[in-house]
Amino acid sequence: MPQQKALVAAEIGLHARAAAVFVRAVTQTGLPVTIRKTDGKPVDARSLLEVMTEDFGHGCEVLLEVAPDALTGSQTLATVRSALAALSSVLEAPEAR
């Protein structure tokens, strides 16, 4: 399963604008990405409500994942890893873009 760790850098965590920016970035990848705390349950990263409900606070380590069986023929492992790295960069930006 392709995975990427990231730290939430936004001062208020993934709430309001920072969550919306992240969810928009996830949706643009076209991938079924999940996000979870390292010891938590995964939630759909394409859902603003689910992301905000999980309380991913400032400095929280999260794991982004895509299930391999969810990939289509045009989505190679390399493109998925690249997308997860880009999403990690969004989370690690100190302010929402």
PDB file of N, CA and C in Angstrom:
ATOM      1  N   MET A   1       0.845  -1.175   0.000  1.00  0.00           N
ATOM      2  CA  MET A   1       0.000   0.000   0.000  1.00  0.00           C
ATOM      3  C   MET A   1       0.893   1.242   0.000  1.00  0.00           C
ATOM      4  N   PRO A   2       0.755   2.109  -1.010  1.00  0.00           N
ATOM      5  CA  PRO A   2       1.552   3.338  -1.023  1.00  0.00           C
ATOM      6  C   PRO A   2       1.196   4.223   0.171  1.00  0.00           C
ATOM      7  N   GLN A   3       2.231   4.698   0.874  1.00  0.00           N
ATOM      8  CA  GLN A   3       2.036   5.514   2.071  1.00  0.00           C
ATOM      9  C   GLN A   3       3.002   6.680   2.072  1.00  0.00           C
ATOM     10  N   GLN A   4       2.640   7.719   2.820  1.00  0.00           N
ATOM     11  CA  GLN A   4       3.521   8.870   3.008  1.00  0.00           C
ATOM     12  C   GLN A   4       3.218   9.474   4.368  1.00  0.00           C
ATOM     13  N   LYS A   5       4.246   9.656   5.180  1.00  0.00           N
ATOM     14  CA  LYS A   5       4.071  10.333   6.463  1.00  0.00           C
ATOM     15  C   LYS A   5       4.229  11.835   6.252  1.00  0.00           C
ATOM     16  N   ALA A   6       3.552  12.589   7.111  1.00  0.00           N
ATOM     17  CA  ALA A   6       3.652  14.050   7.061  1.00  0.00           C
ATOM     18  C   ALA A   6       3.347  14.615   8.445  1.00  0.00           C
ATOM     19  N   LEU A   7       3.809  15.828   8.678  1.00  0.00           N
ATOM     20  CA  LEU A   7       3.480  16.557   9.895  1.00  0.00           C
ATOM     21  C   LEU A   7       2.582  17.724   9.516  1.00  0.00           C
ATOM     22  N   VAL A   8       1.522  17.916  10.270  1.00  0.00           N
ATOM     23  CA  VAL A   8       0.613  19.033  10.023  1.00  0.00           C
ATOM     24  C   VAL A   8       1.276  20.300  10.562  1.00  0.00           C
ATOM     25  N   ALA A   9       1.578  21.232   9.677  1.00  0.00           N
ATOM     26  CA  ALA A   9       2.307  22.431  10.071  1.00  0.00           C
ATOM     27  C   ALA A   9       1.412  23.637  10.320  1.00  0.00           C
ATOM     28  N   ALA A  10       0.184  23.619   9.816  1.00  0.00           N
ATOM     29  CA  ALA A  10      -0.701  24.771   9.998  1.00  0.00           C
ATOM     30  C   ALA A  10      -0.889  25.053  11.493  1.00  0.00           C
ATOM     31  N   GLU A  11      -0.797  26.304  11.858  1.00  0.00           N
ATOM     32  CA  GLU A  11      -0.875  26.722  13.263  1.00  0.00           C
ATOM     33  C   GLU A  11      -2.119  26.183  13.977  1.00  0.00           C
ATOM     34  N   ILE A  12      -3.251  26.156  13.290  1.00  0.00           N
ATOM     35  CA  ILE A  12      -4.486  25.666  13.917  1.00  0.00           C
ATOM     36  C   ILE A  12      -4.831  24.247  13.475  1.00  0.00           C
ATOM     37  N   GLY A  13      -3.893  23.574  12.848  1.00  0.00           N
ATOM     38  CA  GLY A  13      -4.141  22.213  12.374  1.00  0.00           C
ATOM     39  C   GLY A  13      -5.012  22.197  11.135  1.00  0.00           C
ATOM     40  N   LEU A  14      -5.614  21.060  10.874  1.00  0.00           N
ATOM     41  CA  LEU A  14      -6.455  20.934   9.680  1.00  0.00           C
ATOM     42  C   LEU A  14      -7.888  21.347   9.991  1.00  0.00           C
ATOM     43  N   HIS A  15      -8.081  22.632  10.139  1.00  0.00           N
ATOM     44  CA  HIS A  15      -9.400  23.211  10.360  1.00  0.00           C
ATOM     45  C   HIS A  15      -9.594  24.316   9.339  1.00  0.00           C
ATOM     46  N   ALA A  16     -10.814  24.538   8.961  1.00  0.00           N
ATOM     47  CA  ALA A  16     -11.204  25.629   8.066  1.00  0.00           C
ATOM     48  C   ALA A  16     -10.355  25.673   6.794  1.00  0.00           C
ATOM     49  N   ARG A  17      -9.611  26.762   6.602  1.00  0.00           N
ATOM     50  CA  ARG A  17      -8.913  26.973   5.336  1.00  0.00           C
ATOM     51  C   ARG A  17      -7.864  25.901   5.054  1.00  0.00           C
ATOM     52  N   ALA A  18      -7.046  25.544   6.023  1.00  0.00           N
ATOM     53  CA  ALA A  18      -6.000  24.546   5.798  1.00  0.00           C
ATOM     54  C   ALA A  18      -6.598  23.201   5.386  1.00  0.00           C
ATOM     55  N   ALA A  19      -7.688  22.812   6.015  1.00  0.00           N
ATOM     56  CA  ALA A  19      -8.363  21.561   5.649  1.00  0.00           C
ATOM     57  C   ALA A  19      -8.935  21.647   4.250  1.00  0.00           C
ATOM     58  N   ALA A  20      -9.532  22.779   3.911  1.00  0.00           N
ATOM     59  CA  ALA A  20     -10.119  22.955   2.577  1.00  0.00           C
ATOM     60  C   ALA A  20      -9.044  22.896   1.496  1.00  0.00           C
ATOM     61  N   VAL A  21      -7.904  23.520   1.746  1.00  0.00           N
ATOM     62  CA  VAL A  21      -6.795  23.486   0.781  1.00  0.00           C
ATOM     63  C   VAL A  21      -6.316  22.048   0.600  1.00  0.00           C
ATOM     64  N   PHE A  22      -6.160  21.330   1.694  1.00  0.00           N
ATOM     65  CA  PHE A  22      -5.698  19.943   1.614  1.00  0.00           C
ATOM     66  C   PHE A  22      -6.703  19.059   0.882  1.00  0.00           C
ATOM     67  N   VAL A  23      -7.968  19.150   1.234  1.00  0.00           N
ATOM     68  CA  VAL A  23      -9.010  18.321   0.605  1.00  0.00           C
ATOM     69  C   VAL A  23      -9.094  18.627  -0.893  1.00  0.00           C
ATOM     70  N   ARG A  24      -8.987  19.891  -1.261  1.00  0.00           N
ATOM     71  CA  ARG A  24      -9.000  20.264  -2.676  1.00  0.00           C
ATOM     72  C   ARG A  24      -7.821  19.621  -3.412  1.00  0.00           C
ATOM     73  N   ALA A  25      -6.655  19.641  -2.787  1.00  0.00           N
ATOM     74  CA  ALA A  25      -5.465  19.036  -3.399  1.00  0.00           C
ATOM     75  C   ALA A  25      -5.651  17.527  -3.561  1.00  0.00           C
ATOM     76  N   VAL A  26      -6.230  16.888  -2.558  1.00  0.00           N
ATOM     77  CA  VAL A  26      -6.493  15.444  -2.638  1.00  0.00           C
ATOM     78  C   VAL A  26      -7.460  15.151  -3.781  1.00  0.00           C
ATOM     79  N   THR A  27      -8.534  15.908  -3.850  1.00  0.00           N
ATOM     80  CA  THR A  27      -9.544  15.700  -4.892  1.00  0.00           C
ATOM     81  C   THR A  27      -8.934  15.851  -6.279  1.00  0.00           C
ATOM     82  N   GLN A  28      -8.037  16.800  -6.445  1.00  0.00           N
ATOM     83  CA  GLN A  28      -7.400  17.028  -7.743  1.00  0.00           C
ATOM     84  C   GLN A  28      -6.516  15.866  -8.176  1.00  0.00           C
ATOM     85  N   THR A  29      -6.040  15.054  -7.250  1.00  0.00           N
ATOM     86  CA  THR A  29      -5.211  13.906  -7.639  1.00  0.00           C
ATOM     87  C   THR A  29      -6.051  12.816  -8.290  1.00  0.00           C
ATOM     88  N   GLY A  30      -7.352  12.776  -7.965  1.00  0.00           N
ATOM     89  CA  GLY A  30      -8.209  11.717  -8.493  1.00  0.00           C
ATOM     90  C   GLY A  30      -8.000  10.382  -7.803  1.00  0.00           C
ATOM     91  N   LEU A  31      -7.248  10.392  -6.709  1.00  0.00           N
ATOM     92  CA  LEU A  31      -6.937   9.158  -5.983  1.00  0.00           C
ATOM     93  C   LEU A  31      -7.797   9.033  -4.721  1.00  0.00           C
ATOM     94  N   PRO A  32      -8.134   7.811  -4.333  1.00  0.00           N
ATOM     95  CA  PRO A  32      -8.879   7.590  -3.086  1.00  0.00           C
ATOM     96  C   PRO A  32      -7.926   7.575  -1.885  1.00  0.00           C
ATOM     97  N   VAL A  33      -7.495   8.733  -1.473  1.00  0.00           N
ATOM     98  CA  VAL A  33      -6.506   8.877  -0.400  1.00  0.00           C
ATOM     99  C   VAL A  33      -7.216   8.851   0.952  1.00  0.00           C
ATOM    100  N   THR A  34      -6.593   8.177   1.903  1.00  0.00           N
ATOM    101  CA  THR A  34      -7.053   8.245   3.287  1.00  0.00           C
ATOM    102  C   THR A  34      -5.977   8.930   4.106  1.00  0.00           C
ATOM    103  N   ILE A  35      -6.398   9.503   5.227  1.00  0.00           N
ATOM    104  CA  ILE A  35      -5.482  10.150   6.158  1.00  0.00           C
ATOM    105  C   ILE A  35      -5.821   9.649   7.557  1.00  0.00           C
ATOM    106  N   ARG A  36      -4.783   9.432   8.355  1.00  0.00           N
ATOM    107  CA  ARG A  36      -5.013   8.997   9.733  1.00  0.00           C
ATOM    108  C   ARG A  36      -3.836   9.396  10.590  1.00  0.00           C
ATOM    109  N   LYS A  37      -4.123   9.527  11.889  1.00  0.00           N
ATOM    110  CA  LYS A  37      -3.036   9.672  12.839  1.00  0.00           C
ATOM    111  C   LYS A  37      -2.318   8.340  12.848  1.00  0.00           C
ATOM    112  N   THR A  38      -1.058   8.327  13.211  1.00  0.00           N
ATOM    113  CA  THR A  38      -0.291   7.076  13.144  1.00  0.00           C
ATOM    114  C   THR A  38      -0.916   5.968  13.968  1.00  0.00           C
ATOM    115  N   ASP A  39      -1.680   6.326  14.993  1.00  0.00           N
ATOM    116  CA  ASP A  39      -2.327   5.307  15.815  1.00  0.00           C
ATOM    117  C   ASP A  39      -3.853   5.333  15.675  1.00  0.00           C
ATOM    118  N   GLY A  40      -4.353   5.981  14.618  1.00  0.00           N
ATOM    119  CA  GLY A  40      -5.797   6.157  14.480  1.00  0.00           C
ATOM    120  C   GLY A  40      -6.398   5.409  13.304  1.00  0.00           C
ATOM    121  N   LYS A  41      -7.691   5.628  13.125  1.00  0.00           N
ATOM    122  CA  LYS A  41      -8.398   4.986  12.024  1.00  0.00           C
ATOM    123  C   LYS A  41      -8.359   5.898  10.804  1.00  0.00           C
ATOM    124  N   PRO A  42      -8.280   5.320   9.604  1.00  0.00           N
ATOM    125  CA  PRO A  42      -8.228   6.136   8.395  1.00  0.00           C
ATOM    126  C   PRO A  42      -9.586   6.756   8.073  1.00  0.00           C
ATOM    127  N   VAL A  43      -9.537   7.980   7.538  1.00  0.00           N
ATOM    128  CA  VAL A  43     -10.738   8.651   7.053  1.00  0.00           C
ATOM    129  C   VAL A  43     -10.480   9.092   5.612  1.00  0.00           C
ATOM    130  N   ASP A  44     -11.549   9.295   4.876  1.00  0.00           N
ATOM    131  CA  ASP A  44     -11.469   9.714   3.486  1.00  0.00           C
ATOM    132  C   ASP A  44     -10.914  11.141   3.417  1.00  0.00           C
ATOM    133  N   ALA A  45      -9.751  11.299   2.822  1.00  0.00           N
ATOM    134  CA  ALA A  45      -9.115  12.609   2.735  1.00  0.00           C
ATOM    135  C   ALA A  45      -9.801  13.514   1.721  1.00  0.00           C
ATOM    136  N   ARG A  46     -10.758  12.986   0.966  1.00  0.00           N
ATOM    137  CA  ARG A  46     -11.520  13.803   0.009  1.00  0.00           C
ATOM    138  C   ARG A  46     -12.729  14.441   0.674  1.00  0.00           C
ATOM    139  N   SER A  47     -12.971  14.121   1.936  1.00  0.00           N
ATOM    140  CA  SER A  47     -14.133  14.626   2.664  1.00  0.00           C
ATOM    141  C   SER A  47     -13.716  15.696   3.671  1.00  0.00           C
ATOM    142  N   LEU A  48     -14.124  16.932   3.416  1.00  0.00           N
ATOM    143  CA  LEU A  48     -13.795  18.027   4.329  1.00  0.00           C
ATOM    144  C   LEU A  48     -14.331  17.757   5.729  1.00  0.00           C
ATOM    145  N   LEU A  49     -15.541  17.264   5.807  1.00  0.00           N
ATOM    146  CA  LEU A  49     -16.144  16.979   7.111  1.00  0.00           C
ATOM    147  C   LEU A  49     -15.343  15.925   7.878  1.00  0.00           C
ATOM    148  N   GLU A  50     -14.973  14.843   7.216  1.00  0.00           N
ATOM    149  CA  GLU A  50     -14.210  13.788   7.904  1.00  0.00           C
ATOM    150  C   GLU A  50     -12.838  14.285   8.342  1.00  0.00           C
ATOM    151  N   VAL A  51     -12.175  15.057   7.499  1.00  0.00           N
ATOM    152  CA  VAL A  51     -10.842  15.569   7.845  1.00  0.00           C
ATOM    153  C   VAL A  51     -10.929  16.507   9.042  1.00  0.00           C
ATOM    154  N   MET A  52     -11.906  17.407   9.027  1.00  0.00           N
ATOM    155  CA  MET A  52     -12.030  18.357  10.133  1.00  0.00           C
ATOM    156  C   MET A  52     -12.473  17.677  11.425  1.00  0.00           C
ATOM    157  N   THR A  53     -13.274  16.640  11.324  1.00  0.00           N
ATOM    158  CA  THR A  53     -13.781  15.937  12.510  1.00  0.00           C
ATOM    159  C   THR A  53     -12.677  15.175  13.248  1.00  0.00           C
ATOM    160  N   GLU A  54     -11.673  14.723  12.523  1.00  0.00           N
ATOM    161  CA  GLU A  54     -10.614  13.919  13.151  1.00  0.00           C
ATOM    162  C   GLU A  54      -9.657  14.721  14.016  1.00  0.00           C
ATOM    163  N   ASP A  55      -9.700  16.028  13.966  1.00  0.00           N
ATOM    164  CA  ASP A  55      -8.861  16.867  14.816  1.00  0.00           C
ATOM    165  C   ASP A  55      -7.369  16.602  14.620  1.00  0.00           C
ATOM    166  N   PHE A  56      -6.912  16.825  13.394  1.00  0.00           N
ATOM    167  CA  PHE A  56      -5.488  16.732  13.093  1.00  0.00           C
ATOM    168  C   PHE A  56      -4.866  18.073  13.463  1.00  0.00           C
ATOM    169  N   GLY A  57      -4.297  18.153  14.659  1.00  0.00           N
ATOM    170  CA  GLY A  57      -3.768  19.404  15.182  1.00  0.00           C
ATOM    171  C   GLY A  57      -2.370  19.729  14.695  1.00  0.00           C
ATOM    172  N   HIS A  58      -1.927  20.928  15.026  1.00  0.00           N
ATOM    173  CA  HIS A  58      -0.578  21.396  14.691  1.00  0.00           C
ATOM    174  C   HIS A  58       0.461  20.413  15.240  1.00  0.00           C
ATOM    175  N   GLY A  59       1.388  20.003  14.391  1.00  0.00           N
ATOM    176  CA  GLY A  59       2.451  19.092  14.804  1.00  0.00           C
ATOM    177  C   GLY A  59       2.070  17.628  14.802  1.00  0.00           C
ATOM    178  N   CYS A  60       0.827  17.337  14.463  1.00  0.00           N
ATOM    179  CA  CYS A  60       0.338  15.954  14.435  1.00  0.00           C
ATOM    180  C   CYS A  60       0.984  15.192  13.271  1.00  0.00           C
ATOM    181  N   GLU A  61       1.490  13.996  13.558  1.00  0.00           N
ATOM    182  CA  GLU A  61       2.023  13.157  12.491  1.00  0.00           C
ATOM    183  C   GLU A  61       0.871  12.357  11.899  1.00  0.00           C
ATOM    184  N   VAL A  62       0.763  12.402  10.576  1.00  0.00           N
ATOM    185  CA  VAL A  62      -0.309  11.690   9.885  1.00  0.00           C
ATOM    186  C   VAL A  62       0.285  10.756   8.839  1.00  0.00           C
ATOM    187  N   LEU A  63      -0.527   9.804   8.438  1.00  0.00           N
ATOM    188  CA  LEU A  63      -0.145   8.859   7.397  1.00  0.00           C
ATOM    189  C   LEU A  63      -1.165   8.961   6.273  1.00  0.00           C
ATOM    190  N   LEU A  64      -0.681   9.248   5.081  1.00  0.00           N
ATOM    191  CA  LEU A  64      -1.512   9.290   3.886  1.00  0.00           C
ATOM    192  C   LEU A  64      -1.356   7.950   3.176  1.00  0.00           C
ATOM    193  N   GLU A  65      -2.472   7.370   2.744  1.00  0.00           N
ATOM    194  CA  GLU A  65      -2.411   6.049   2.115  1.00  0.00           C
ATOM    195  C   GLU A  65      -3.366   5.960   0.931  1.00  0.00           C
ATOM    196  N   VAL A  66      -3.003   5.105  -0.020  1.00  0.00           N
ATOM    197  CA  VAL A  66      -3.886   4.738  -1.127  1.00  0.00           C
ATOM    198  C   VAL A  66      -3.848   3.221  -1.216  1.00  0.00           C
ATOM    199  N   ALA A  67      -5.012   2.596  -1.163  1.00  0.00           N
ATOM    200  CA  ALA A  67      -5.075   1.136  -1.274  1.00  0.00           C
ATOM    201  C   ALA A  67      -4.701   0.725  -2.694  1.00  0.00           C
ATOM    202  N   PRO A  68      -3.809  -0.257  -2.856  1.00  0.00           N
ATOM    203  CA  PRO A  68      -3.376  -0.657  -4.190  1.00  0.00           C
ATOM    204  C   PRO A  68      -4.523  -1.168  -5.066  1.00  0.00           C
ATOM    205  N   ASP A  69      -5.535  -1.761  -4.482  1.00  0.00           N
ATOM    206  CA  ASP A  69      -6.650  -2.268  -5.281  1.00  0.00           C
ATOM    207  C   ASP A  69      -7.551  -1.143  -5.792  1.00  0.00           C
ATOM    208  N   ALA A  70      -7.310   0.087  -5.330  1.00  0.00           N
ATOM    209  CA  ALA A  70      -8.106   1.235  -5.766  1.00  0.00           C
ATOM    210  C   ALA A  70      -7.504   1.915  -6.996  1.00  0.00           C
ATOM    211  N   LEU A  71      -6.337   1.475  -7.413  1.00  0.00           N
ATOM    212  CA  LEU A  71      -5.666   2.109  -8.541  1.00  0.00           C
ATOM    213  C   LEU A  71      -6.241   1.635  -9.866  1.00  0.00           C
ATOM    214  N   THR A  72      -6.306   2.573 -10.810  1.00  0.00           N
ATOM    215  CA  THR A  72      -6.737   2.223 -12.164  1.00  0.00           C
ATOM    216  C   THR A  72      -5.501   1.972 -13.012  1.00  0.00           C
ATOM    217  N   GLY A  73      -5.701   1.507 -14.221  1.00  0.00           N
ATOM    218  CA  GLY A  73      -4.591   1.174 -15.104  1.00  0.00           C
ATOM    219  C   GLY A  73      -3.661   2.331 -15.401  1.00  0.00           C
ATOM    220  N   SER A  74      -4.176   3.562 -15.412  1.00  0.00           N
ATOM    221  CA  SER A  74      -3.343   4.717 -15.760  1.00  0.00           C
ATOM    222  C   SER A  74      -2.558   5.261 -14.559  1.00  0.00           C
ATOM    223  N   GLN A  75      -2.830   4.753 -13.372  1.00  0.00           N
ATOM    224  CA  GLN A  75      -2.169   5.247 -12.172  1.00  0.00           C
ATOM    225  C   GLN A  75      -1.076   4.271 -11.744  1.00  0.00           C
ATOM    226  N   THR A  76       0.157   4.608 -12.072  1.00  0.00           N
ATOM    227  CA  THR A  76       1.267   3.750 -11.703  1.00  0.00           C
ATOM    228  C   THR A  76       1.653   4.018 -10.252  1.00  0.00           C
ATOM    229  N   LEU A  77       2.388   3.096  -9.693  1.00  0.00           N
ATOM    230  CA  LEU A  77       2.860   3.251  -8.324  1.00  0.00           C
ATOM    231  C   LEU A  77       3.702   4.518  -8.184  1.00  0.00           C
ATOM    232  N   ALA A  78       4.494   4.818  -9.197  1.00  0.00           N
ATOM    233  CA  ALA A  78       5.338   6.016  -9.161  1.00  0.00           C
ATOM    234  C   ALA A  78       4.491   7.288  -9.148  1.00  0.00           C
ATOM    235  N   THR A  79       3.414   7.340  -9.923  1.00  0.00           N
ATOM    236  CA  THR A  79       2.565   8.536  -9.935  1.00  0.00           C
ATOM    237  C   THR A  79       1.815   8.674  -8.607  1.00  0.00           C
ATOM    238  N   VAL A  80       1.437   7.558  -8.016  1.00  0.00           N
ATOM    239  CA  VAL A  80       0.755   7.600  -6.723  1.00  0.00           C
ATOM    240  C   VAL A  80       1.711   8.105  -5.649  1.00  0.00           C
ATOM    241  N   ARG A  81       2.918   7.593  -5.638  1.00  0.00           N
ATOM    242  CA  ARG A  81       3.905   8.054  -4.653  1.00  0.00           C
ATOM    243  C   ARG A  81       4.207   9.538  -4.830  1.00  0.00           C
ATOM    244  N   SER A  82       4.279   9.975  -6.067  1.00  0.00           N
ATOM    245  CA  SER A  82       4.521  11.389  -6.353  1.00  0.00           C
ATOM    246  C   SER A  82       3.360  12.248  -5.840  1.00  0.00           C
ATOM    247  N   ALA A  83       2.140  11.786  -6.052  1.00  0.00           N
ATOM    248  CA  ALA A  83       0.955  12.518  -5.576  1.00  0.00           C
ATOM    249  C   ALA A  83       0.946  12.583  -4.053  1.00  0.00           C
ATOM    250  N   LEU A  84       1.281  11.483  -3.388  1.00  0.00           N
ATOM    251  CA  LEU A  84       1.312  11.474  -1.919  1.00  0.00           C
ATOM    252  C   LEU A  84       2.395  12.418  -1.394  1.00  0.00           C
ATOM    253  N   ALA A  85       3.531  12.471  -2.071  1.00  0.00           N
ATOM    254  CA  ALA A  85       4.592  13.394  -1.662  1.00  0.00           C
ATOM    255  C   ALA A  85       4.131  14.842  -1.812  1.00  0.00           C
ATOM    256  N   ALA A  86       3.403  15.140  -2.882  1.00  0.00           N
ATOM    257  CA  ALA A  86       2.884  16.494  -3.086  1.00  0.00           C
ATOM    258  C   ALA A  86       1.863  16.844  -2.001  1.00  0.00           C
ATOM    259  N   LEU A  87       1.008  15.896  -1.641  1.00  0.00           N
ATOM    260  CA  LEU A  87       0.025  16.131  -0.582  1.00  0.00           C
ATOM    261  C   LEU A  87       0.717  16.340   0.760  1.00  0.00           C
ATOM    262  N   SER A  88       1.789  15.610   0.982  1.00  0.00           N
ATOM    263  CA  SER A  88       2.574  15.784   2.204  1.00  0.00           C
ATOM    264  C   SER A  88       3.124  17.205   2.271  1.00  0.00           C
ATOM    265  N   SER A  89       3.549  17.715   1.145  1.00  0.00           N
ATOM    266  CA  SER A  89       4.075  19.095   1.088  1.00  0.00           C
ATOM    267  C   SER A  89       2.990  20.110   1.434  1.00  0.00           C
ATOM    268  N   VAL A  90       1.773  19.846   0.997  1.00  0.00           N
ATOM    269  CA  VAL A  90       0.646  20.730   1.330  1.00  0.00           C
ATOM    270  C   VAL A  90       0.452  20.752   2.848  1.00  0.00           C
ATOM    271  N   LEU A  91       0.490  19.583   3.457  1.00  0.00           N
ATOM    272  CA  LEU A  91       0.303  19.511   4.914  1.00  0.00           C
ATOM    273  C   LEU A  91       1.443  20.167   5.675  1.00  0.00           C
ATOM    274  N   GLU A  92       2.636  20.086   5.128  1.00  0.00           N
ATOM    275  CA  GLU A  92       3.809  20.595   5.838  1.00  0.00           C
ATOM    276  C   GLU A  92       4.075  22.070   5.584  1.00  0.00           C
ATOM    277  N   ALA A  93       3.248  22.698   4.758  1.00  0.00           N
ATOM    278  CA  ALA A  93       3.347  24.139   4.556  1.00  0.00           C
ATOM    279  C   ALA A  93       2.800  24.839   5.801  1.00  0.00           C
ATOM    280  N   PRO A  94       3.504  25.847   6.322  1.00  0.00           N
ATOM    281  CA  PRO A  94       3.072  26.462   7.570  1.00  0.00           C
ATOM    282  C   PRO A  94       1.716  27.177   7.487  1.00  0.00           C
ATOM    283  N   GLU A  95       1.335  27.610   6.314  1.00  0.00           N
ATOM    284  CA  GLU A  95       0.051  28.277   6.157  1.00  0.00           C
ATOM    285  C   GLU A  95      -0.657  27.727   4.936  1.00  0.00           C
ATOM    286  N   ALA A  96      -1.976  27.740   4.968  1.00  0.00           N
ATOM    287  CA  ALA A  96      -2.758  27.308   3.815  1.00  0.00           C
ATOM    288  C   ALA A  96      -2.440  28.209   2.633  1.00  0.00           C
ATOM    289  N   ARG A  97      -2.368  27.618   1.475  1.00  0.00           N
ATOM    290  CA  ARG A  97      -2.025  28.366   0.268  1.00  0.00           C
ATOM    291  C   ARG A  97      -3.232  29.000  -0.356  1.00  0.00           C
TER     292      ARG A  97
END
